[in-house]
C-alpha cells in the first residue's frame, strides 16, 4: 500500500467493539462527520480507536515519572493508524448552569479582559480585581454582581386590610391560618389577632423583636455551652487514652528496686513518661480525681452531641423568627410611612 499523504489520516483494520476490520482515510483540515444508527460504530471509531490511540501515544512522550499520574489508555484493536495528530475530545455535555457564568468565564477570556482593562485603561481605576463581578471592588452593589435584581412586592404577599385571624391574609402556604408559621406568631401573645395588619405600630413590632432576640440569645448561649462541654469531654477522652497507653511503662517503673534502676528506666522510656506527666497535669488542673472509662466518655459525648443537634434545630427556628420579624417590621414601617406620605399629599391637594 502506498504511503499516505501527510494531509490524510489512514486507519487500517479497526476492530474495536463492533467494528469489523474497518479501513478508511480521513482528510485533515476538513470537517468530517460520522453518521449512522445507534450501534453502528461511530463512537467506537472516533473515541475508542482514533482518540484512544492519540492519547496513548501522547502519554508516551512524557517521562515515566509523569506517566504514572496520567490516565491510562489501552491500545485499541486496530492494525495501523498513520499520520495521527494530537486529538482533542470535546465533551458533548451541556455546561452546568451557574448564575455567575458568562461567555467570558466559560471561554477563559474573562481574566484576560480584566487584565487588559486594568493595564491599558486610562485613567487608572484599579487592578484586575476592580473589574471582577465576583469581587467587592468590582461588583455592582445593587445586584451583587449577578446582573439582575429580585424584589419582593409585599402588597402581593400580605393583605394589610385583614387581620391574622382572617383567611388568606398572607399569601404563602406556611402562613395560612392554622399553619405552623402562623401558629408561631398567633400563639406568641405578642400580636392582637383581630387587629388589621395595617394598624400595627412599629412599637408593637419592636416589643416582639426584643422578645425574639432575647430567646435567640439564650439559645446561642446554650449552644456555646454545649460546644464547650463537648470539646472538654473530647480533650479529656484524648488525655485518658494517652495516659492509658503509658500503663506498661508506669508499671515497669514500679517494678524497679533501686533509685538508679528507676532513673535508668525513665531515661529509656522518656517519651512515655512525658505523655503521662502531661496527662497528670491536665487531670489535676481540671479537678479529675477518678479517671472515667473510654466507653463512659464516649457515651457522654454522644449524649451532648444529640442534645446540641436537637437544640440547634430550635436555635434555627428562633433565628428564622427574628429574621422574619425584622422583615415584617421593615416592610410595615415602609407601608406606614407611605400611608403618611399619601395622607399629607391628599391634605395638600385639598
C-alpha atoms as a PDB file:
ATOM      1  CA  UNK A   1       0.000   0.000   0.000  1.00  0.00           C
ATOM      2  CA  UNK A   2       1.339   3.407  -0.939  1.00  0.00           C
ATOM      3  CA  UNK A   3       2.468   5.807   1.771  1.00  0.00           C
ATOM      4  CA  UNK A   4      -0.441   8.170   2.522  1.00  0.00           C
ATOM      5  CA  UNK A   5      -0.178  11.909   2.113  1.00  0.00           C
ATOM      6  CA  UNK A   6       0.646  13.829   5.340  1.00  0.00           C
ATOM      7  CA  UNK A   7      -2.737  15.500   4.957  1.00  0.00           C
ATOM      8  CA  UNK A   8      -4.561  12.178   5.355  1.00  0.00           C
ATOM      9  CA  UNK A   9      -5.127  10.005   8.425  1.00  0.00           C
ATOM     10  CA  UNK A  10      -5.147   6.376   7.301  1.00  0.00           C
ATOM     11  CA  UNK A  11      -6.805   3.747   9.528  1.00  0.00           C
ATOM     12  CA  UNK A  12      -6.298   0.079   8.697  1.00  0.00           C
ATOM     13  CA  UNK A  13      -8.187  -2.892  10.192  1.00  0.00           C
ATOM     14  CA  UNK A  14     -10.100  -1.217  13.022  1.00  0.00           C
ATOM     15  CA  UNK A  15     -11.867  -3.928  15.103  1.00  0.00           C
ATOM     16  CA  UNK A  16     -12.677  -2.120  18.322  1.00  0.00           C
ATOM     17  CA  UNK A  17     -16.033  -3.187  19.842  1.00  0.00           C
ATOM     18  CA  UNK A  18     -18.440  -3.861  16.976  1.00  0.00           C
ATOM     19  CA  UNK A  19     -16.154  -2.658  14.153  1.00  0.00           C
ATOM     20  CA  UNK A  20     -15.324  -5.360  11.582  1.00  0.00           C
ATOM     21  CA  UNK A  21     -11.901  -4.709  10.030  1.00  0.00           C
ATOM     22  CA  UNK A  22     -12.818  -1.168   9.041  1.00  0.00           C
ATOM     23  CA  UNK A  23     -10.239   0.685   6.901  1.00  0.00           C
ATOM     24  CA  UNK A  24     -10.617   4.292   5.801  1.00  0.00           C
ATOM     25  CA  UNK A  25      -8.869   7.571   5.144  1.00  0.00           C
ATOM     26  CA  UNK A  26      -9.794  10.882   6.787  1.00  0.00           C
ATOM     27  CA  UNK A  27      -8.677  14.189   5.346  1.00  0.00           C
ATOM     28  CA  UNK A  28      -7.036  16.619   7.729  1.00  0.00           C
ATOM     29  CA  UNK A  29      -8.131  20.278   7.932  1.00  0.00           C
ATOM     30  CA  UNK A  30     -11.579  19.253   6.760  1.00  0.00           C
ATOM     31  CA  UNK A  31     -14.817  18.723   8.676  1.00  0.00           C
ATOM     32  CA  UNK A  32     -15.671  15.021   8.625  1.00  0.00           C
ATOM     33  CA  UNK A  33     -18.985  13.847  10.052  1.00  0.00           C
ATOM     34  CA  UNK A  34     -19.673  10.229  11.052  1.00  0.00           C
ATOM     35  CA  UNK A  35     -23.355   9.339  10.957  1.00  0.00           C
ATOM     36  CA  UNK A  36     -25.313   6.157  11.430  1.00  0.00           C
ATOM     37  CA  UNK A  37     -27.880   4.379  13.527  1.00  0.00           C
ATOM     38  CA  UNK A  38     -27.274   3.559  17.161  1.00  0.00           C
ATOM     39  CA  UNK A  39     -24.687   0.789  17.483  1.00  0.00           C
ATOM     40  CA  UNK A  40     -23.197   1.283  14.030  1.00  0.00           C
ATOM     41  CA  UNK A  41     -19.737   2.038  15.473  1.00  0.00           C
ATOM     42  CA  UNK A  42     -19.472   5.851  15.345  1.00  0.00           C
ATOM     43  CA  UNK A  43     -18.155   6.199  18.916  1.00  0.00           C
ATOM     44  CA  UNK A  44     -16.064   3.045  18.599  1.00  0.00           C
ATOM     45  CA  UNK A  45     -14.218   4.545  15.638  1.00  0.00           C
ATOM     46  CA  UNK A  46     -13.929   8.180  16.767  1.00  0.00           C
ATOM     47  CA  UNK A  47     -13.450   7.847  20.532  1.00  0.00           C
ATOM     48  CA  UNK A  48     -12.365   4.274  21.268  1.00  0.00           C
ATOM     49  CA  UNK A  49      -9.987   3.992  18.302  1.00  0.00           C
ATOM     50  CA  UNK A  50      -8.723   7.347  16.974  1.00  0.00           C
ATOM     51  CA  UNK A  51      -8.893   9.373  20.212  1.00  0.00           C
ATOM     52  CA  UNK A  52      -7.699   6.497  22.416  1.00  0.00           C
ATOM     53  CA  UNK A  53      -4.642   5.815  20.256  1.00  0.00           C
ATOM     54  CA  UNK A  54      -3.791   9.531  20.068  1.00  0.00           C
ATOM     55  CA  UNK A  55      -3.980   9.883  23.859  1.00  0.00           C
ATOM     56  CA  UNK A  56      -1.910   6.749  24.392  1.00  0.00           C
ATOM     57  CA  UNK A  57       0.817   7.958  22.029  1.00  0.00           C
ATOM     58  CA  UNK A  58       0.761  11.433  23.605  1.00  0.00           C
ATOM     59  CA  UNK A  59       1.198   9.976  27.117  1.00  0.00           C
ATOM     60  CA  UNK A  60       4.241   8.009  25.943  1.00  0.00           C
ATOM     61  CA  UNK A  61       6.044  11.274  25.120  1.00  0.00           C
ATOM     62  CA  UNK A  62       6.094  12.226  28.819  1.00  0.00           C
ATOM     63  CA  UNK A  63       8.752  10.990  31.305  1.00  0.00           C
ATOM     64  CA  UNK A  64       7.897   7.802  33.173  1.00  0.00           C
ATOM     65  CA  UNK A  65       7.512   9.764  36.425  1.00  0.00           C
ATOM     66  CA  UNK A  66       4.790  11.936  34.847  1.00  0.00           C
ATOM     67  CA  UNK A  67       3.104   8.979  33.139  1.00  0.00           C
ATOM     68  CA  UNK A  68       2.187   7.373  36.466  1.00  0.00           C
ATOM     69  CA  UNK A  69      -0.116  10.324  37.210  1.00  0.00           C
ATOM     70  CA  UNK A  70      -1.782  10.385  33.771  1.00  0.00           C
ATOM     71  CA  UNK A  71      -4.915   8.442  32.767  1.00  0.00           C
ATOM     72  CA  UNK A  72      -4.132   5.007  31.352  1.00  0.00           C
ATOM     73  CA  UNK A  73      -5.322   4.235  27.827  1.00  0.00           C
ATOM     74  CA  UNK A  74      -5.075   0.734  26.382  1.00  0.00           C
ATOM     75  CA  UNK A  75      -4.043   0.011  22.804  1.00  0.00           C
ATOM     76  CA  UNK A  76      -7.172  -0.095  20.605  1.00  0.00           C
ATOM     77  CA  UNK A  77      -7.951  -3.056  18.349  1.00  0.00           C
ATOM     78  CA  UNK A  78      -6.541  -1.671  15.096  1.00  0.00           C
ATOM     79  CA  UNK A  79      -3.792  -2.878  12.778  1.00  0.00           C
ATOM     80  CA  UNK A  80      -2.323   0.516  11.984  1.00  0.00           C
ATOM     81  CA  UNK A  81      -3.048   4.266  12.146  1.00  0.00           C
ATOM     82  CA  UNK A  82      -0.821   6.552  10.091  1.00  0.00           C
ATOM     83  CA  UNK A  83      -0.306  10.344  10.316  1.00  0.00           C
ATOM     84  CA  UNK A  84      -2.335  10.551  13.526  1.00  0.00           C
ATOM     85  CA  UNK A  85      -2.107  14.035  15.105  1.00  0.00           C
ATOM     86  CA  UNK A  86      -2.874  15.005  18.708  1.00  0.00           C
ATOM     87  CA  UNK A  87      -6.616  14.543  19.216  1.00  0.00           C
ATOM     88  CA  UNK A  88      -8.741  16.788  21.418  1.00  0.00           C
ATOM     89  CA  UNK A  89     -12.005  15.256  22.625  1.00  0.00           C
ATOM     90  CA  UNK A  90     -14.674  17.883  23.173  1.00  0.00           C
ATOM     91  CA  UNK A  91     -17.194  16.995  25.865  1.00  0.00           C
ATOM     92  CA  UNK A  92     -20.664  16.679  24.391  1.00  0.00           C
ATOM     93  CA  UNK A  93     -22.364  17.556  27.678  1.00  0.00           C
ATOM     94  CA  UNK A  94     -24.004  20.919  28.159  1.00  0.00           C
ATOM     95  CA  UNK A  95     -22.057  23.183  30.551  1.00  0.00           C
ATOM     96  CA  UNK A  96     -23.551  23.362  34.033  1.00  0.00           C
ATOM     97  CA  UNK A  97     -25.732  26.388  34.657  1.00  0.00           C
ATOM     98  CA  UNK A  98     -24.394  28.973  37.089  1.00  0.00           C
ATOM     99  CA  UNK A  99     -25.637  32.464  37.854  1.00  0.00           C
ATOM    100  CA  UNK A 100     -22.076  33.802  37.676  1.00  0.00           C
ATOM    101  CA  UNK A 101     -21.078  32.012  34.464  1.00  0.00           C
ATOM    102  CA  UNK A 102     -20.762  34.051  31.294  1.00  0.00           C
ATOM    103  CA  UNK A 103     -19.274  33.538  27.839  1.00  0.00           C
ATOM    104  CA  UNK A 104     -16.134  35.183  29.165  1.00  0.00           C
ATOM    105  CA  UNK A 105     -15.722  32.869  32.166  1.00  0.00           C
ATOM    106  CA  UNK A 106     -16.531  29.722  30.164  1.00  0.00           C
ATOM    107  CA  UNK A 107     -14.024  30.552  27.390  1.00  0.00           C
ATOM    108  CA  UNK A 108     -11.356  31.758  29.873  1.00  0.00           C
ATOM    109  CA  UNK A 109     -11.057  35.216  28.251  1.00  0.00           C
ATOM    110  CA  UNK A 110     -12.631  36.868  31.281  1.00  0.00           C
ATOM    111  CA  UNK A 111      -9.328  37.064  33.201  1.00  0.00           C
ATOM    112  CA  UNK A 112      -7.520  38.418  30.129  1.00  0.00           C
ATOM    113  CA  UNK A 113     -10.137  41.122  29.613  1.00  0.00           C
ATOM    114  CA  UNK A 114      -9.777  42.183  33.251  1.00  0.00           C
ATOM    115  CA  UNK A 115      -6.015  42.446  32.826  1.00  0.00           C
ATOM    116  CA  UNK A 116      -6.475  44.402  29.607  1.00  0.00           C
ATOM    117  CA  UNK A 117      -8.791  46.981  31.178  1.00  0.00           C
ATOM    118  CA  UNK A 118      -6.636  47.336  34.303  1.00  0.00           C
ATOM    119  CA  UNK A 119      -3.368  47.857  32.387  1.00  0.00           C
ATOM    120  CA  UNK A 120      -4.468  49.734  29.282  1.00  0.00           C
ATOM    121  CA  UNK A 121      -7.454  51.720  30.575  1.00  0.00           C
ATOM    122  CA  UNK A 122      -6.944  55.402  31.298  1.00  0.00           C
ATOM    123  CA  UNK A 123      -7.333  56.869  33.797  1.00  0.00           C
ATOM    124  CA  UNK A 124      -6.159  54.006  36.019  1.00  0.00           C
ATOM    125  CA  UNK A 125      -9.020  52.935  38.303  1.00  0.00           C
ATOM    126  CA  UNK A 126      -7.570  49.821  39.911  1.00  0.00           C
ATOM    127  CA  UNK A 127      -6.056  46.421  39.357  1.00  0.00           C
ATOM    128  CA  UNK A 128      -7.778  43.490  37.656  1.00  0.00           C
ATOM    129  CA  UNK A 129      -9.975  42.699  40.667  1.00  0.00           C
ATOM    130  CA  UNK A 130     -11.633  46.109  40.185  1.00  0.00           C
ATOM    131  CA  UNK A 131     -13.205  44.682  37.019  1.00  0.00           C
ATOM    132  CA  UNK A 132     -14.432  41.431  38.597  1.00  0.00           C
ATOM    133  CA  UNK A 133     -18.136  40.964  39.309  1.00  0.00           C
ATOM    134  CA  UNK A 134     -17.161  38.431  41.998  1.00  0.00           C
ATOM    135  CA  UNK A 135     -15.048  40.932  43.959  1.00  0.00           C
ATOM    136  CA  UNK A 136     -16.359  43.696  46.262  1.00  0.00           C
ATOM    137  CA  UNK A 137     -14.179  46.216  44.413  1.00  0.00           C
ATOM    138  CA  UNK A 138     -15.734  45.429  41.050  1.00  0.00           C
ATOM    139  CA  UNK A 139     -19.227  44.079  41.541  1.00  0.00           C
ATOM    140  CA  UNK A 140     -22.365  46.158  41.405  1.00  0.00           C
ATOM    141  CA  UNK A 141     -23.628  46.843  44.945  1.00  0.00           C
ATOM    142  CA  UNK A 142     -27.249  46.770  43.759  1.00  0.00           C
ATOM    143  CA  UNK A 143     -27.303  43.356  42.022  1.00  0.00           C
ATOM    144  CA  UNK A 144     -24.287  41.865  43.868  1.00  0.00           C
ATOM    145  CA  UNK A 145     -22.636  41.076  40.539  1.00  0.00           C
ATOM    146  CA  UNK A 146     -25.462  38.883  39.232  1.00  0.00           C
ATOM    147  CA  UNK A 147     -26.790  41.340  36.663  1.00  0.00           C
ATOM    148  CA  UNK A 148     -30.353  41.106  37.948  1.00  0.00           C
ATOM    149  CA  UNK A 149     -32.310  42.275  40.975  1.00  0.00           C
ATOM    150  CA  UNK A 150     -35.239  40.427  42.538  1.00  0.00           C
ATOM    151  CA  UNK A 151     -37.542  42.496  44.733  1.00  0.00           C
ATOM    152  CA  UNK A 152     -40.470  41.337  46.819  1.00  0.00           C
ATOM    153  CA  UNK A 153     -43.813  43.110  46.325  1.00  0.00           C
ATOM    154  CA  UNK A 154     -45.096  42.998  49.893  1.00  0.00           C
ATOM    155  CA  UNK A 155     -48.602  44.071  48.779  1.00  0.00           C
ATOM    156  CA  UNK A 156     -48.948  40.868  46.748  1.00  0.00           C
ATOM    157  CA  UNK A 157     -47.808  38.798  49.710  1.00  0.00           C
ATOM    158  CA  UNK A 158     -49.763  40.426  52.557  1.00  0.00           C
ATOM    159  CA  UNK A 159     -53.284  41.828  52.631  1.00  0.00           C
ATOM    160  CA  UNK A 160     -52.909  44.778  55.006  1.00  0.00           C
ATOM    161  CA  UNK A 161     -56.659  45.267  55.299  1.00  0.00           C
ATOM    162  CA  UNK A 162     -57.072  41.876  57.030  1.00  0.00           C
ATOM    163  CA  UNK A 163     -56.143  40.616  60.480  1.00  0.00           C
ATOM    164  CA  UNK A 164     -54.213  37.463  61.351  1.00  0.00           C
ATOM    165  CA  UNK A 165     -57.444  35.598  62.100  1.00  0.00           C
ATOM    166  CA  UNK A 166     -58.742  36.213  58.566  1.00  0.00           C
ATOM    167  CA  UNK A 167     -58.292  33.645  55.813  1.00  0.00           C
ATOM    168  CA  UNK A 168     -55.717  34.391  53.116  1.00  0.00           C
ATOM    169  CA  UNK A 169     -54.189  37.316  54.990  1.00  0.00           C
ATOM    170  CA  UNK A 170     -50.700  36.170  53.962  1.00  0.00           C
ATOM    171  CA  UNK A 171     -50.450  34.564  50.527  1.00  0.00           C
ATOM    172  CA  UNK A 172     -47.869  31.945  51.434  1.00  0.00           C
ATOM    173  CA  UNK A 173     -48.554  28.243  52.186  1.00  0.00           C
ATOM    174  CA  UNK A 174     -46.865  28.010  55.593  1.00  0.00           C
ATOM    175  CA  UNK A 175     -48.503  31.263  56.746  1.00  0.00           C
ATOM    176  CA  UNK A 176     -52.089  30.235  56.074  1.00  0.00           C
ATOM    177  CA  UNK A 177     -54.405  30.372  59.094  1.00  0.00           C
ATOM    178  CA  UNK A 178     -53.619  27.399  61.327  1.00  0.00           C
ATOM    179  CA  UNK A 179     -50.292  26.553  59.633  1.00  0.00           C
ATOM    180  CA  UNK A 180     -47.154  26.151  61.715  1.00  0.00           C
ATOM    181  CA  UNK A 181     -45.614  29.545  60.903  1.00  0.00           C
ATOM    182  CA  UNK A 182     -48.956  31.260  61.561  1.00  0.00           C
ATOM    183  CA  UNK A 183     -49.166  29.491  64.945  1.00  0.00           C
ATOM    184  CA  UNK A 184     -45.725  30.749  65.897  1.00  0.00           C
ATOM    185  CA  UNK A 185     -46.961  34.342  65.569  1.00  0.00           C
ATOM    186  CA  UNK A 186     -50.523  33.792  66.764  1.00  0.00           C
ATOM    187  CA  UNK A 187     -49.592  31.859  69.918  1.00  0.00           C
ATOM    188  CA  UNK A 188     -46.692  34.148  70.892  1.00  0.00           C
ATOM    189  CA  UNK A 189     -49.050  36.547  72.670  1.00  0.00           C
ATOM    190  CA  UNK A 190     -47.301  39.492  71.008  1.00  0.00           C
ATOM    191  CA  UNK A 191     -49.990  40.267  68.421  1.00  0.00           C
ATOM    192  CA  UNK A 192     -53.645  41.219  68.519  1.00  0.00           C
ATOM    193  CA  UNK A 193     -55.103  38.621  66.134  1.00  0.00           C
ATOM    194  CA  UNK A 194     -58.203  40.734  65.392  1.00  0.00           C
ATOM    195  CA  UNK A 195     -56.256  43.854  64.517  1.00  0.00           C
ATOM    196  CA  UNK A 196     -55.647  44.735  60.874  1.00  0.00           C
ATOM    197  CA  UNK A 197     -52.060  44.375  59.738  1.00  0.00           C
ATOM    198  CA  UNK A 198     -52.157  47.995  58.595  1.00  0.00           C
ATOM    199  CA  UNK A 199     -52.909  49.149  62.147  1.00  0.00           C
ATOM    200  CA  UNK A 200     -49.896  47.559  63.816  1.00  0.00           C
ATOM    201  CA  UNK A 201     -47.440  50.125  65.088  1.00  0.00           C
ATOM    202  CA  UNK A 202     -43.641  49.864  64.929  1.00  0.00           C
ATOM    203  CA  UNK A 203     -43.622  49.892  68.752  1.00  0.00           C
ATOM    204  CA  UNK A 204     -45.609  46.638  68.871  1.00  0.00           C
ATOM    205  CA  UNK A 205     -43.213  45.020  66.459  1.00  0.00           C
ATOM    206  CA  UNK A 206     -40.273  46.347  68.475  1.00  0.00           C
ATOM    207  CA  UNK A 207     -41.655  44.534  71.536  1.00  0.00           C
ATOM    208  CA  UNK A 208     -41.910  41.337  69.502  1.00  0.00           C
ATOM    209  CA  UNK A 209     -38.338  41.749  68.269  1.00  0.00           C
ATOM    210  CA  UNK A 210     -36.987  42.337  71.782  1.00  0.00           C
ATOM    211  CA  UNK A 211     -38.637  39.137  72.999  1.00  0.00           C
ATOM    212  CA  UNK A 212     -37.471  37.126  69.970  1.00  0.00           C
ATOM    213  CA  UNK A 213     -33.918  38.447  70.251  1.00  0.00           C
ATOM    214  CA  UNK A 214     -33.800  37.511  73.940  1.00  0.00           C
ATOM    215  CA  UNK A 215     -34.879  33.951  73.090  1.00  0.00           C
ATOM    216  CA  UNK A 216     -32.266  33.788  70.347  1.00  0.00           C
ATOM    217  CA  UNK A 217     -29.513  34.987  72.672  1.00  0.00           C
ATOM    218  CA  UNK A 218     -30.469  32.332  75.232  1.00  0.00           C
ATOM    219  CA  UNK A 219     -30.315  29.646  72.533  1.00  0.00           C
ATOM    220  CA  UNK A 220     -26.955  30.929  71.307  1.00  0.00           C
ATOM    221  CA  UNK A 221     -25.530  30.852  74.834  1.00  0.00           C
ATOM    222  CA  UNK A 222     -26.781  27.306  75.367  1.00  0.00           C
ATOM    223  CA  UNK A 223     -25.265  26.162  72.060  1.00  0.00           C
ATOM    224  CA  UNK A 224     -21.910  27.678  73.013  1.00  0.00           C
ATOM    225  CA  UNK A 225     -22.060  25.967  76.417  1.00  0.00           C
ATOM    226  CA  UNK A 226     -22.797  22.608  74.774  1.00  0.00           C
ATOM    227  CA  UNK A 227     -19.947  23.123  72.298  1.00  0.00           C
ATOM    228  CA  UNK A 228     -17.569  23.892  75.153  1.00  0.00           C
ATOM    229  CA  UNK A 229     -18.740  20.806  77.089  1.00  0.00           C
ATOM    230  CA  UNK A 230     -18.229  18.559  74.051  1.00  0.00           C
ATOM    231  CA  UNK A 231     -14.733  19.953  73.431  1.00  0.00           C
ATOM    232  CA  UNK A 232     -13.850  19.448  77.116  1.00  0.00           C
ATOM    233  CA  UNK A 233     -15.061  15.823  77.077  1.00  0.00           C
ATOM    234  CA  UNK A 234     -13.167  15.088  73.867  1.00  0.00           C
ATOM    235  CA  UNK A 235      -9.973  16.580  75.292  1.00  0.00           C
ATOM    236  CA  UNK A 236     -10.430  14.530  78.473  1.00  0.00           C
ATOM    237  CA  UNK A 237     -11.001  11.437  76.338  1.00  0.00           C
ATOM    238  CA  UNK A 238      -7.762  12.142  74.452  1.00  0.00           C
ATOM    239  CA  UNK A 239      -5.800  12.540  77.697  1.00  0.00           C
ATOM    240  CA  UNK A 240      -7.317   9.374  79.196  1.00  0.00           C
ATOM    241  CA  UNK A 241      -6.364   7.343  76.111  1.00  0.00           C
ATOM    242  CA  UNK A 242      -2.845   8.798  76.101  1.00  0.00           C
ATOM    243  CA  UNK A 243      -2.426   8.046  79.809  1.00  0.00           C
ATOM    244  CA  UNK A 244      -3.724   4.508  79.381  1.00  0.00           C
ATOM    245  CA  UNK A 245      -1.140   3.778  76.659  1.00  0.00           C
ATOM    246  CA  UNK A 246       1.666   4.605  79.108  1.00  0.00           C
ATOM    247  CA  UNK A 247       0.493   1.990  81.660  1.00  0.00           C
ATOM    248  CA  UNK A 248       3.150  -0.632  80.700  1.00  0.00           C
ATOM    249  CA  UNK A 249       5.907   1.958  81.199  1.00  0.00           C
ATOM    250  CA  UNK A 250       4.450   3.111  84.537  1.00  0.00           C
ATOM    251  CA  UNK A 251       4.073  -0.466  85.766  1.00  0.00           C
ATOM    252  CA  UNK A 252       7.653  -1.194  84.710  1.00  0.00           C
ATOM    253  CA  UNK A 253       8.896   1.763  86.721  1.00  0.00           C
ATOM    254  CA  UNK A 254       7.183   0.448  89.868  1.00  0.00           C
ATOM    255  CA  UNK A 255       8.958  -2.872  89.415  1.00  0.00           C
ATOM    256  CA  UNK A 256      12.420  -1.257  89.635  1.00  0.00           C
ATOM    257  CA  UNK A 257      14.007  -1.850  93.063  1.00  0.00           C
ATOM    258  CA  UNK A 258      16.636   0.902  93.293  1.00  0.00           C
ATOM    259  CA  UNK A 259      16.686   4.613  92.546  1.00  0.00           C
ATOM    260  CA  UNK A 260      19.457   4.095  89.996  1.00  0.00           C
ATOM    261  CA  UNK A 261      17.396   1.462  88.179  1.00  0.00           C
ATOM    262  CA  UNK A 262      14.345   3.700  88.215  1.00  0.00           C
ATOM    263  CA  UNK A 263      16.364   6.618  86.802  1.00  0.00           C
ATOM    264  CA  UNK A 264      17.787   4.469  84.008  1.00  0.00           C
ATOM    265  CA  UNK A 265      14.337   3.054  83.265  1.00  0.00           C
ATOM    266  CA  UNK A 266      12.816   6.559  82.979  1.00  0.00           C
ATOM    267  CA  UNK A 267      15.536   7.574  80.530  1.00  0.00           C
ATOM    268  CA  UNK A 268      14.821   4.553  78.321  1.00  0.00           C
ATOM    269  CA  UNK A 269      11.074   5.318  78.318  1.00  0.00           C
ATOM    270  CA  UNK A 270      11.334   9.098  78.411  1.00  0.00           C
ATOM    271  CA  UNK A 271       8.635   9.740  75.766  1.00  0.00           C
ATOM    272  CA  UNK A 272       6.079   7.615  77.656  1.00  0.00           C
ATOM    273  CA  UNK A 273       6.678   9.489  80.911  1.00  0.00           C
ATOM    274  CA  UNK A 274       6.467  12.891  79.189  1.00  0.00           C
ATOM    275  CA  UNK A 275       2.993  11.913  77.922  1.00  0.00           C
ATOM    276  CA  UNK A 276       1.981  10.532  81.326  1.00  0.00           C
ATOM    277  CA  UNK A 277       3.187  13.658  83.163  1.00  0.00           C
ATOM    278  CA  UNK A 278       1.317  15.940  80.743  1.00  0.00           C
ATOM    279  CA  UNK A 279      -1.881  13.932  81.212  1.00  0.00           C
ATOM    280  CA  UNK A 280      -1.456  14.010  85.002  1.00  0.00           C
ATOM    281  CA  UNK A 281      -1.083  17.802  84.966  1.00  0.00           C
ATOM    282  CA  UNK A 282      -4.247  18.059  82.843  1.00  0.00           C
ATOM    283  CA  UNK A 283      -6.213  15.867  85.290  1.00  0.00           C
ATOM    284  CA  UNK A 284      -5.007  17.909  88.257  1.00  0.00           C
ATOM    285  CA  UNK A 285      -5.793  21.250  86.564  1.00  0.00           C
ATOM    286  CA  UNK A 286      -9.340  20.136  85.701  1.00  0.00           C
ATOM    287  CA  UNK A 287     -10.109  18.505  89.034  1.00  0.00           C
ATOM    288  CA  UNK A 288     -10.268  14.935  87.701  1.00  0.00           C
ATOM    289  CA  UNK A 289      -9.682  12.690  90.695  1.00  0.00           C
ATOM    290  CA  UNK A 290     -11.036   9.468  89.201  1.00  0.00           C
ATOM    291  CA  UNK A 291     -10.423   8.639  85.562  1.00  0.00           C
ATOM    292  CA  UNK A 292     -13.625   7.758  83.662  1.00  0.00           C
ATOM    293  CA  UNK A 293     -13.616   4.894  81.192  1.00  0.00           C
ATOM    294  CA  UNK A 294     -13.349   5.499  77.466  1.00  0.00           C
ATOM    295  CA  UNK A 295     -16.795   3.940  76.984  1.00  0.00           C
ATOM    296  CA  UNK A 296     -18.393   6.264  79.556  1.00  0.00           C
ATOM    297  CA  UNK A 297     -16.760   9.317  77.975  1.00  0.00           C
ATOM    298  CA  UNK A 298     -17.913   8.286  74.508  1.00  0.00           C
ATOM    299  CA  UNK A 299     -21.471   7.836  75.752  1.00  0.00           C
ATOM    300  CA  UNK A 300     -21.385  11.292  77.371  1.00  0.00           C
ATOM    301  CA  UNK A 301     -20.032  12.872  74.162  1.00  0.00           C
ATOM    302  CA  UNK A 302     -22.781  11.221  72.118  1.00  0.00           C
ATOM    303  CA  UNK A 303     -25.433  12.417  74.588  1.00  0.00           C
ATOM    304  CA  UNK A 304     -24.144  16.001  74.478  1.00  0.00           C
ATOM    305  CA  UNK A 305     -23.924  15.891  70.688  1.00  0.00           C
ATOM    306  CA  UNK A 306     -27.519  14.682  70.398  1.00  0.00           C
ATOM    307  CA  UNK A 307     -28.646  17.433  72.779  1.00  0.00           C
ATOM    308  CA  UNK A 308     -26.709  20.004  70.758  1.00  0.00           C
ATOM    309  CA  UNK A 309     -28.263  18.825  67.479  1.00  0.00           C
ATOM    310  CA  UNK A 310     -31.759  18.983  68.956  1.00  0.00           C
ATOM    311  CA  UNK A 311     -31.111  22.433  70.381  1.00  0.00           C
ATOM    312  CA  UNK A 312     -29.617  23.599  67.100  1.00  0.00           C
ATOM    313  CA  UNK A 313     -32.919  22.936  65.346  1.00  0.00           C
ATOM    314  CA  UNK A 314     -34.649  25.088  67.972  1.00  0.00           C
ATOM    315  CA  UNK A 315     -31.967  27.753  67.525  1.00  0.00           C
ATOM    316  CA  UNK A 316     -32.525  27.798  63.745  1.00  0.00           C
ATOM    317  CA  UNK A 317     -36.260  28.304  64.229  1.00  0.00           C
ATOM    318  CA  UNK A 318     -35.680  31.192  66.635  1.00  0.00           C
ATOM    319  CA  UNK A 319     -33.160  32.751  64.286  1.00  0.00           C
ATOM    320  CA  UNK A 320     -35.617  32.457  61.393  1.00  0.00           C
ATOM    321  CA  UNK A 321     -38.296  34.056  63.567  1.00  0.00           C
ATOM    322  CA  UNK A 322     -36.082  37.035  64.379  1.00  0.00           C
ATOM    323  CA  UNK A 323     -35.269  37.448  60.699  1.00  0.00           C
ATOM    324  CA  UNK A 324     -38.939  37.279  59.773  1.00  0.00           C
ATOM    325  CA  UNK A 325     -39.868  39.838  62.436  1.00  0.00           C
ATOM    326  CA  UNK A 326     -37.157  42.188  61.182  1.00  0.00           C
ATOM    327  CA  UNK A 327     -38.544  41.827  57.665  1.00  0.00           C
ATOM    328  CA  UNK A 328     -42.119  42.381  58.808  1.00  0.00           C
ATOM    329  CA  UNK A 329     -41.118  45.442  60.847  1.00  0.00           C
ATOM    330  CA  UNK A 330     -39.147  46.907  57.950  1.00  0.00           C
ATOM    331  CA  UNK A 331     -41.956  46.307  55.476  1.00  0.00           C
ATOM    332  CA  UNK A 332     -44.628  47.589  57.833  1.00  0.00           C
ATOM    333  CA  UNK A 333     -42.588  50.699  58.604  1.00  0.00           C
ATOM    334  CA  UNK A 334     -42.354  51.373  54.866  1.00  0.00           C
ATOM    335  CA  UNK A 335     -46.111  50.845  54.471  1.00  0.00           C
ATOM    336  CA  UNK A 336     -46.963  53.146  57.380  1.00  0.00           C
ATOM    337  CA  UNK A 337     -44.570  55.793  56.133  1.00  0.00           C
ATOM    338  CA  UNK A 338     -46.081  55.509  52.657  1.00  0.00           C
ATOM    339  CA  UNK A 339     -49.579  55.919  54.113  1.00  0.00           C
ATOM    340  CA  UNK A 340     -48.483  59.044  55.991  1.00  0.00           C
ATOM    341  CA  UNK A 341     -46.919  60.491  52.860  1.00  0.00           C
ATOM    342  CA  UNK A 342     -50.104  59.835  50.863  1.00  0.00           C
ATOM    343  CA  UNK A 343     -52.265  61.444  53.549  1.00  0.00           C
ATOM    344  CA  UNK A 344     -50.054  64.543  53.563  1.00  0.00           C
ATOM    345  CA  UNK A 345     -50.255  64.680  49.787  1.00  0.00           C
ATOM    346  CA  UNK A 346     -54.070  64.467  49.857  1.00  0.00           C
ATOM    347  CA  UNK A 347     -54.293  67.190  52.501  1.00  0.00           C
ATOM    348  CA  UNK A 348     -52.027  69.423  50.456  1.00  0.00           C
ATOM    349  CA  UNK A 349     -54.153  68.846  47.336  1.00  0.00           C
ATOM    350  CA  UNK A 350     -57.331  69.705  49.273  1.00  0.00           C
END
